[in-house]
Amino acid sequence: MSNKTIALDAFLYQYMLDVSLRESPLLQRLRTDTARLPNANMQIAPEQGQFMGLLVRLMRAQRAIEIGTFTGYSTLAVALALPSNGQLIACDINTEWTAKACQYWQEAGVAEKIELRLGPALATLDALLAEQPMGTFDFAFIDADKDNYIAYYERLLQLLRPGGLIVVDNVLWDGKVVDAANHEPDTVAIRAFNDHLRADKRVLLSLVPIGDGLTLAMKQG
């Protein structure tokens, strides 16, 4: 028994996957395909994708937005959880990675739910804020350049409805956040983001030690 989160060694992690992961063959193939790329470490963990899909279903979310798409695993996990009339706006700047993503979305039959917006995500978010009323999205996921995490969060909070959820990846940054000697720009940015959310009374907050650390921030009414 333990009164704090236990550490997972390779055997316990595999056991967790064996008894809980329900990854579709297509998601598994996308993950395997992505693992061959030089930037494969940008891929979210499969249990994380499943967790986000469950959150989307629990919320009965209909409109979602994602900052940082890569090859589309997280996008696909969320899109599959959305209802048939759901919409997900996927924001990225890389045409090569997102081209692969589009192939899998098409094969999964969810391409009509996904609107890919290529370009700097801050510009995309500003455009969305200008295009439509605030408070119209249910769910948001941030997994992109770390120095803009706070800027992404602040814009998404405006786009989100009360009770909506922002999910943020890499908030534990492979443990580097607690290394006082580490002053790398990404590490400093994530520390600043975590402090920003800790002090933000506009949201209810939980940091879940799944993958590389996942923060859940629910917008208060």
C-alpha atoms as a PDB file:
ATOM      1  CA  MET A   1       0.000   0.000   0.000  1.00  0.00           C
ATOM      2  CA  SER A   2       1.164   3.531  -0.699  1.00  0.00           C
ATOM      3  CA  ASN A   3      -0.113   7.019   0.069  1.00  0.00           C
ATOM      4  CA  LYS A   4       1.733   8.560  -2.877  1.00  0.00           C
ATOM      5  CA  THR A   5       2.066   7.796  -6.586  1.00  0.00           C
ATOM      6  CA  ILE A   6       4.244   4.752  -7.110  1.00  0.00           C
ATOM      7  CA  ALA A   7       7.063   4.604  -9.632  1.00  0.00           C
ATOM      8  CA  LEU A   8       6.617   2.385 -12.676  1.00  0.00           C
ATOM      9  CA  ASP A   9       9.536   0.249 -13.781  1.00  0.00           C
ATOM     10  CA  ALA A  10       9.466  -1.346 -17.249  1.00  0.00           C
ATOM     11  CA  PHE A  11       7.699  -4.475 -16.008  1.00  0.00           C
ATOM     12  CA  LEU A  12       4.967  -2.647 -14.094  1.00  0.00           C
ATOM     13  CA  TYR A  13       4.468  -0.221 -16.993  1.00  0.00           C
ATOM     14  CA  GLN A  14       4.005  -3.138 -19.389  1.00  0.00           C
ATOM     15  CA  TYR A  15       1.563  -4.758 -16.969  1.00  0.00           C
ATOM     16  CA  MET A  16      -0.430  -1.521 -16.888  1.00  0.00           C
ATOM     17  CA  LEU A  17      -0.648  -1.563 -20.680  1.00  0.00           C
ATOM     18  CA  ASP A  18      -1.490  -5.270 -20.761  1.00  0.00           C
ATOM     19  CA  VAL A  19      -4.475  -4.923 -18.434  1.00  0.00           C
ATOM     20  CA  SER A  20      -5.844  -1.541 -19.506  1.00  0.00           C
ATOM     21  CA  LEU A  21      -4.804  -0.413 -22.986  1.00  0.00           C
ATOM     22  CA  ARG A  22      -7.486  -0.772 -25.671  1.00  0.00           C
ATOM     23  CA  GLU A  23      -5.588   0.648 -28.607  1.00  0.00           C
ATOM     24  CA  SER A  24      -7.178   0.107 -32.006  1.00  0.00           C
ATOM     25  CA  PRO A  25      -5.049  -1.567 -34.704  1.00  0.00           C
ATOM     26  CA  LEU A  26      -4.989   1.721 -36.635  1.00  0.00           C
ATOM     27  CA  LEU A  27      -3.747   3.730 -33.656  1.00  0.00           C
ATOM     28  CA  GLN A  28      -1.144   1.062 -32.992  1.00  0.00           C
ATOM     29  CA  ARG A  29       0.007   1.198 -36.608  1.00  0.00           C
ATOM     30  CA  LEU A  30       0.264   4.991 -36.492  1.00  0.00           C
ATOM     31  CA  ARG A  31       2.326   4.790 -33.310  1.00  0.00           C
ATOM     32  CA  THR A  32       4.632   2.175 -34.846  1.00  0.00           C
ATOM     33  CA  ASP A  33       4.944   4.218 -38.028  1.00  0.00           C
ATOM     34  CA  THR A  34       5.810   7.342 -36.026  1.00  0.00           C
ATOM     35  CA  ALA A  35       8.414   5.470 -33.964  1.00  0.00           C
ATOM     36  CA  ARG A  36      10.603   5.270 -37.085  1.00  0.00           C
ATOM     37  CA  LEU A  37      10.882   9.067 -37.341  1.00  0.00           C
ATOM     38  CA  PRO A  38      13.844  11.020 -35.928  1.00  0.00           C
ATOM     39  CA  ASN A  39      11.467  13.034 -33.708  1.00  0.00           C
ATOM     40  CA  ALA A  40       9.552  10.000 -32.442  1.00  0.00           C
ATOM     41  CA  ASN A  41       9.912  11.179 -28.836  1.00  0.00           C
ATOM     42  CA  MET A  42       7.297  13.853 -29.639  1.00  0.00           C
ATOM     43  CA  GLN A  43       4.674  11.084 -29.827  1.00  0.00           C
ATOM     44  CA  ILE A  44       2.353  10.869 -26.821  1.00  0.00           C
ATOM     45  CA  ALA A  45       2.096   7.614 -24.891  1.00  0.00           C
ATOM     46  CA  PRO A  46      -0.758   5.273 -25.893  1.00  0.00           C
ATOM     47  CA  GLU A  47      -2.265   5.258 -22.413  1.00  0.00           C
ATOM     48  CA  GLN A  48      -2.307   9.047 -22.577  1.00  0.00           C
ATOM     49  CA  GLY A  49      -4.273   9.013 -25.819  1.00  0.00           C
ATOM     50  CA  GLN A  50      -6.752   6.579 -24.304  1.00  0.00           C
ATOM     51  CA  PHE A  51      -7.066   8.759 -21.197  1.00  0.00           C
ATOM     52  CA  MET A  52      -7.795  11.871 -23.269  1.00  0.00           C
ATOM     53  CA  GLY A  53     -10.388   9.999 -25.303  1.00  0.00           C
ATOM     54  CA  LEU A  54     -12.099   8.972 -22.077  1.00  0.00           C
ATOM     55  CA  LEU A  55     -12.095  12.581 -20.851  1.00  0.00           C
ATOM     56  CA  VAL A  56     -13.690  13.740 -24.099  1.00  0.00           C
ATOM     57  CA  ARG A  57     -16.436  11.121 -23.748  1.00  0.00           C
ATOM     58  CA  LEU A  58     -17.021  11.899 -20.068  1.00  0.00           C
ATOM     59  CA  MET A  59     -17.442  15.583 -20.928  1.00  0.00           C
ATOM     60  CA  ARG A  60     -19.660  14.846 -23.915  1.00  0.00           C
ATOM     61  CA  ALA A  61     -17.386  17.275 -25.747  1.00  0.00           C
ATOM     62  CA  GLN A  62     -18.356  18.381 -29.235  1.00  0.00           C
ATOM     63  CA  ARG A  63     -15.744  21.012 -30.091  1.00  0.00           C
ATOM     64  CA  ALA A  64     -12.047  20.520 -29.451  1.00  0.00           C
ATOM     65  CA  ILE A  65      -8.797  22.201 -30.394  1.00  0.00           C
ATOM     66  CA  GLU A  66      -5.248  20.887 -30.380  1.00  0.00           C
ATOM     67  CA  ILE A  67      -1.994  22.865 -30.382  1.00  0.00           C
ATOM     68  CA  GLY A  68       0.718  20.613 -31.798  1.00  0.00           C
ATOM     69  CA  THR A  69      -0.413  17.729 -33.996  1.00  0.00           C
ATOM     70  CA  PHE A  70       2.789  15.948 -35.114  1.00  0.00           C
ATOM     71  CA  THR A  71       1.682  12.764 -36.926  1.00  0.00           C
ATOM     72  CA  GLY A  72      -1.822  12.932 -35.529  1.00  0.00           C
ATOM     73  CA  TYR A  73      -2.004  10.243 -32.831  1.00  0.00           C
ATOM     74  CA  SER A  74      -3.538  12.512 -30.186  1.00  0.00           C
ATOM     75  CA  THR A  75      -5.790  14.068 -32.831  1.00  0.00           C
ATOM     76  CA  LEU A  76      -7.055  10.668 -33.862  1.00  0.00           C
ATOM     77  CA  ALA A  77      -7.608   9.533 -30.264  1.00  0.00           C
ATOM     78  CA  VAL A  78      -9.713  12.629 -29.572  1.00  0.00           C
ATOM     79  CA  ALA A  79     -11.561  12.613 -32.909  1.00  0.00           C
ATOM     80  CA  LEU A  80     -12.614   8.993 -32.409  1.00  0.00           C
ATOM     81  CA  ALA A  81     -14.107   9.995 -29.045  1.00  0.00           C
ATOM     82  CA  LEU A  82     -16.062  12.937 -30.452  1.00  0.00           C
ATOM     83  CA  PRO A  83     -19.658  12.428 -31.636  1.00  0.00           C
ATOM     84  CA  SER A  84     -20.387  12.193 -35.362  1.00  0.00           C
ATOM     85  CA  ASN A  85     -21.103  15.930 -35.492  1.00  0.00           C
ATOM     86  CA  GLY A  86     -18.024  16.831 -33.446  1.00  0.00           C
ATOM     87  CA  GLN A  87     -15.252  19.137 -34.632  1.00  0.00           C
ATOM     88  CA  LEU A  88     -11.545  19.241 -33.825  1.00  0.00           C
ATOM     89  CA  ILE A  89      -9.265  22.047 -34.993  1.00  0.00           C
ATOM     90  CA  ALA A  90      -5.688  20.767 -35.265  1.00  0.00           C
ATOM     91  CA  CYS A  91      -2.915  23.390 -35.274  1.00  0.00           C
ATOM     92  CA  ASP A  92       0.606  22.709 -36.513  1.00  0.00           C
ATOM     93  CA  ILE A  93       3.306  24.206 -38.752  1.00  0.00           C
ATOM     94  CA  ASN A  94       4.831  21.058 -40.273  1.00  0.00           C
ATOM     95  CA  THR A  95       3.394  19.887 -43.587  1.00  0.00           C
ATOM     96  CA  GLU A  96       5.345  16.604 -43.711  1.00  0.00           C
ATOM     97  CA  TRP A  97       4.198  15.310 -40.336  1.00  0.00           C
ATOM     98  CA  THR A  98       0.601  16.428 -40.781  1.00  0.00           C
ATOM     99  CA  ALA A  99       0.442  14.843 -44.246  1.00  0.00           C
ATOM    100  CA  LYS A 100       1.010  11.496 -42.550  1.00  0.00           C
ATOM    101  CA  ALA A 101      -1.623  12.409 -39.981  1.00  0.00           C
ATOM    102  CA  CYS A 102      -4.182  13.179 -42.683  1.00  0.00           C
ATOM    103  CA  GLN A 103      -3.710   9.741 -44.218  1.00  0.00           C
ATOM    104  CA  TYR A 104      -4.557   8.037 -40.934  1.00  0.00           C
ATOM    105  CA  TRP A 105      -7.506  10.342 -40.225  1.00  0.00           C
ATOM    106  CA  GLN A 106      -8.914   9.478 -43.632  1.00  0.00           C
ATOM    107  CA  GLU A 107      -8.426   5.765 -43.080  1.00  0.00           C
ATOM    108  CA  ALA A 108     -10.104   5.990 -39.678  1.00  0.00           C
ATOM    109  CA  GLY A 109     -13.136   7.734 -41.178  1.00  0.00           C
ATOM    110  CA  VAL A 110     -12.818  10.829 -38.990  1.00  0.00           C
ATOM    111  CA  ALA A 111     -11.256  13.269 -41.475  1.00  0.00           C
ATOM    112  CA  GLU A 112     -14.534  15.186 -41.769  1.00  0.00           C
ATOM    113  CA  LYS A 113     -14.369  15.964 -38.035  1.00  0.00           C
ATOM    114  CA  ILE A 114     -10.872  17.478 -38.249  1.00  0.00           C
ATOM    115  CA  GLU A 115      -9.925  20.892 -39.583  1.00  0.00           C
ATOM    116  CA  LEU A 116      -6.146  21.204 -39.981  1.00  0.00           C
ATOM    117  CA  ARG A 117      -4.858  24.762 -39.708  1.00  0.00           C
ATOM    118  CA  LEU A 118      -1.228  25.096 -40.780  1.00  0.00           C
ATOM    119  CA  GLY A 119       0.675  28.097 -39.478  1.00  0.00           C
ATOM    120  CA  PRO A 120       1.866  29.594 -36.183  1.00  0.00           C
ATOM    121  CA  ALA A 121      -0.623  28.511 -33.546  1.00  0.00           C
ATOM    122  CA  LEU A 122      -0.780  31.901 -31.840  1.00  0.00           C
ATOM    123  CA  ALA A 123      -1.955  33.451 -35.092  1.00  0.00           C
ATOM    124  CA  THR A 124      -4.509  30.672 -35.510  1.00  0.00           C
ATOM    125  CA  LEU A 125      -5.817  31.200 -31.978  1.00  0.00           C
ATOM    126  CA  ASP A 126      -6.041  34.953 -32.491  1.00  0.00           C
ATOM    127  CA  ALA A 127      -7.977  34.337 -35.696  1.00  0.00           C
ATOM    128  CA  LEU A 128     -10.373  32.009 -33.883  1.00  0.00           C
ATOM    129  CA  LEU A 129     -10.933  34.617 -31.180  1.00  0.00           C
ATOM    130  CA  ALA A 130     -11.808  37.121 -33.889  1.00  0.00           C
ATOM    131  CA  GLU A 131     -13.968  34.708 -35.903  1.00  0.00           C
ATOM    132  CA  GLN A 132     -16.374  33.421 -33.306  1.00  0.00           C
ATOM    133  CA  PRO A 133     -17.817  34.052 -29.853  1.00  0.00           C
ATOM    134  CA  MET A 134     -15.612  33.177 -26.921  1.00  0.00           C
ATOM    135  CA  GLY A 135     -16.524  30.192 -24.784  1.00  0.00           C
ATOM    136  CA  THR A 136     -17.457  27.839 -27.626  1.00  0.00           C
ATOM    137  CA  PHE A 137     -14.926  25.023 -27.199  1.00  0.00           C
ATOM    138  CA  ASP A 138     -15.214  22.117 -24.774  1.00  0.00           C
ATOM    139  CA  PHE A 139     -11.736  20.572 -24.815  1.00  0.00           C
ATOM    140  CA  ALA A 140      -8.198  21.716 -25.665  1.00  0.00           C
ATOM    141  CA  PHE A 141      -4.833  19.980 -25.771  1.00  0.00           C
ATOM    142  CA  ILE A 142      -1.442  21.726 -25.710  1.00  0.00           C
ATOM    143  CA  ASP A 143       1.643  19.826 -26.870  1.00  0.00           C
ATOM    144  CA  ALA A 144       3.850  22.248 -28.792  1.00  0.00           C
ATOM    145  CA  ASP A 145       6.738  24.711 -28.307  1.00  0.00           C
ATOM    146  CA  LYS A 146       7.190  25.192 -24.585  1.00  0.00           C
ATOM    147  CA  ASP A 147       8.065  28.900 -24.589  1.00  0.00           C
ATOM    148  CA  ASN A 148       4.543  29.681 -25.819  1.00  0.00           C
ATOM    149  CA  TYR A 149       2.690  27.451 -23.342  1.00  0.00           C
ATOM    150  CA  ILE A 150       1.398  30.371 -21.268  1.00  0.00           C
ATOM    151  CA  ALA A 151       0.340  32.322 -24.364  1.00  0.00           C
ATOM    152  CA  TYR A 152      -1.485  29.271 -25.764  1.00  0.00           C
ATOM    153  CA  TYR A 153      -3.161  28.648 -22.427  1.00  0.00           C
ATOM    154  CA  GLU A 154      -4.398  32.219 -22.029  1.00  0.00           C
ATOM    155  CA  ARG A 155      -5.976  32.259 -25.492  1.00  0.00           C
ATOM    156  CA  LEU A 156      -7.505  28.809 -25.092  1.00  0.00           C
ATOM    157  CA  LEU A 157      -8.994  29.802 -21.765  1.00  0.00           C
ATOM    158  CA  GLN A 158     -10.921  32.532 -23.586  1.00  0.00           C
ATOM    159  CA  LEU A 159     -12.094  30.083 -26.261  1.00  0.00           C
ATOM    160  CA  LEU A 160     -13.184  27.492 -23.690  1.00  0.00           C
ATOM    161  CA  ARG A 161     -16.670  27.371 -22.196  1.00  0.00           C
ATOM    162  CA  PRO A 162     -17.123  27.298 -18.410  1.00  0.00           C
ATOM    163  CA  GLY A 163     -16.565  23.687 -17.394  1.00  0.00           C
ATOM    164  CA  GLY A 164     -14.315  23.123 -20.406  1.00  0.00           C
ATOM    165  CA  LEU A 165     -10.978  21.399 -20.022  1.00  0.00           C
ATOM    166  CA  ILE A 166      -7.443  22.267 -21.099  1.00  0.00           C
ATOM    167  CA  VAL A 167      -5.008  19.338 -21.096  1.00  0.00           C
ATOM    168  CA  VAL A 168      -1.285  20.140 -21.217  1.00  0.00           C
ATOM    169  CA  ASP A 169       1.519  17.688 -21.996  1.00  0.00           C
ATOM    170  CA  ASN A 170       5.160  17.500 -20.817  1.00  0.00           C
ATOM    171  CA  VAL A 171       4.665  19.381 -17.563  1.00  0.00           C
ATOM    172  CA  LEU A 172       7.166  17.140 -15.735  1.00  0.00           C
ATOM    173  CA  TRP A 173       9.670  17.387 -18.615  1.00  0.00           C
ATOM    174  CA  ASP A 174      11.404  14.066 -17.920  1.00  0.00           C
ATOM    175  CA  GLY A 175      12.116  15.219 -14.363  1.00  0.00           C
ATOM    176  CA  LYS A 176      14.177  18.230 -15.454  1.00  0.00           C
ATOM    177  CA  VAL A 177      11.786  20.655 -13.761  1.00  0.00           C
ATOM    178  CA  VAL A 178      13.206  19.729 -10.343  1.00  0.00           C
ATOM    179  CA  ASP A 179      16.851  19.976 -11.386  1.00  0.00           C
ATOM    180  CA  ALA A 180      17.891  23.363  -9.997  1.00  0.00           C
ATOM    181  CA  ALA A 181      21.006  23.316 -12.196  1.00  0.00           C
ATOM    182  CA  ASN A 182      18.964  22.995 -15.380  1.00  0.00           C
ATOM    183  CA  HIS A 183      18.351  26.375 -16.984  1.00  0.00           C
ATOM    184  CA  GLU A 184      17.569  25.204 -20.504  1.00  0.00           C
ATOM    185  CA  PRO A 185      14.943  27.472 -22.120  1.00  0.00           C
ATOM    186  CA  ASP A 186      12.292  24.738 -22.392  1.00  0.00           C
ATOM    187  CA  THR A 187      12.790  23.690 -18.769  1.00  0.00           C
ATOM    188  CA  VAL A 188      12.542  27.292 -17.578  1.00  0.00           C
ATOM    189  CA  ALA A 189       9.400  27.789 -19.702  1.00  0.00           C
ATOM    190  CA  ILE A 190       7.678  24.734 -18.270  1.00  0.00           C
ATOM    191  CA  ARG A 191       8.519  25.744 -14.703  1.00  0.00           C
ATOM    192  CA  ALA A 192       7.039  29.172 -15.413  1.00  0.00           C
ATOM    193  CA  PHE A 193       3.933  27.591 -16.931  1.00  0.00           C
ATOM    194  CA  ASN A 194       3.434  25.266 -13.955  1.00  0.00           C
ATOM    195  CA  ASP A 195       3.782  28.206 -11.549  1.00  0.00           C
ATOM    196  CA  HIS A 196       1.350  30.242 -13.659  1.00  0.00           C
ATOM    197  CA  LEU A 197      -1.321  27.559 -13.443  1.00  0.00           C
ATOM    198  CA  ARG A 198      -0.737  26.894  -9.761  1.00  0.00           C
ATOM    199  CA  ALA A 199      -1.659  30.513  -9.042  1.00  0.00           C
ATOM    200  CA  ASP A 200      -4.571  30.719 -11.496  1.00  0.00           C
ATOM    201  CA  LYS A 201      -7.859  30.707  -9.596  1.00  0.00           C
ATOM    202  CA  ARG A 202      -9.860  30.726 -12.837  1.00  0.00           C
ATOM    203  CA  VAL A 203      -9.358  26.971 -13.147  1.00  0.00           C
ATOM    204  CA  LEU A 204      -9.580  23.803 -11.114  1.00  0.00           C
ATOM    205  CA  LEU A 205      -6.259  22.012 -11.407  1.00  0.00           C
ATOM    206  CA  SER A 206      -4.804  18.517 -11.340  1.00  0.00           C
ATOM    207  CA  LEU A 207      -1.398  17.306 -12.519  1.00  0.00           C
ATOM    208  CA  VAL A 208      -1.528  13.629 -13.448  1.00  0.00           C
ATOM    209  CA  PRO A 209       1.737  11.649 -13.611  1.00  0.00           C
ATOM    210  CA  ILE A 210       0.898   9.953 -16.884  1.00  0.00           C
ATOM    211  CA  GLY A 211       3.360   9.990 -19.782  1.00  0.00           C
ATOM    212  CA  ASP A 212       5.643  13.015 -19.286  1.00  0.00           C
ATOM    213  CA  GLY A 213       3.187  14.667 -16.913  1.00  0.00           C
ATOM    214  CA  LEU A 214      -0.290  15.835 -17.907  1.00  0.00           C
ATOM    215  CA  THR A 215      -1.982  18.873 -16.385  1.00  0.00           C
ATOM    216  CA  LEU A 216      -5.773  19.114 -16.412  1.00  0.00           C
ATOM    217  CA  ALA A 217      -7.197  22.627 -15.996  1.00  0.00           C
ATOM    218  CA  MET A 218     -10.983  22.983 -15.888  1.00  0.00           C
ATOM    219  CA  LYS A 219     -12.338  26.488 -16.481  1.00  0.00           C
ATOM    220  CA  GLN A 220     -14.549  27.645 -13.655  1.00  0.00           C
ATOM    221  CA  GLY A 221     -17.934  29.185 -14.363  1.00  0.00           C
END
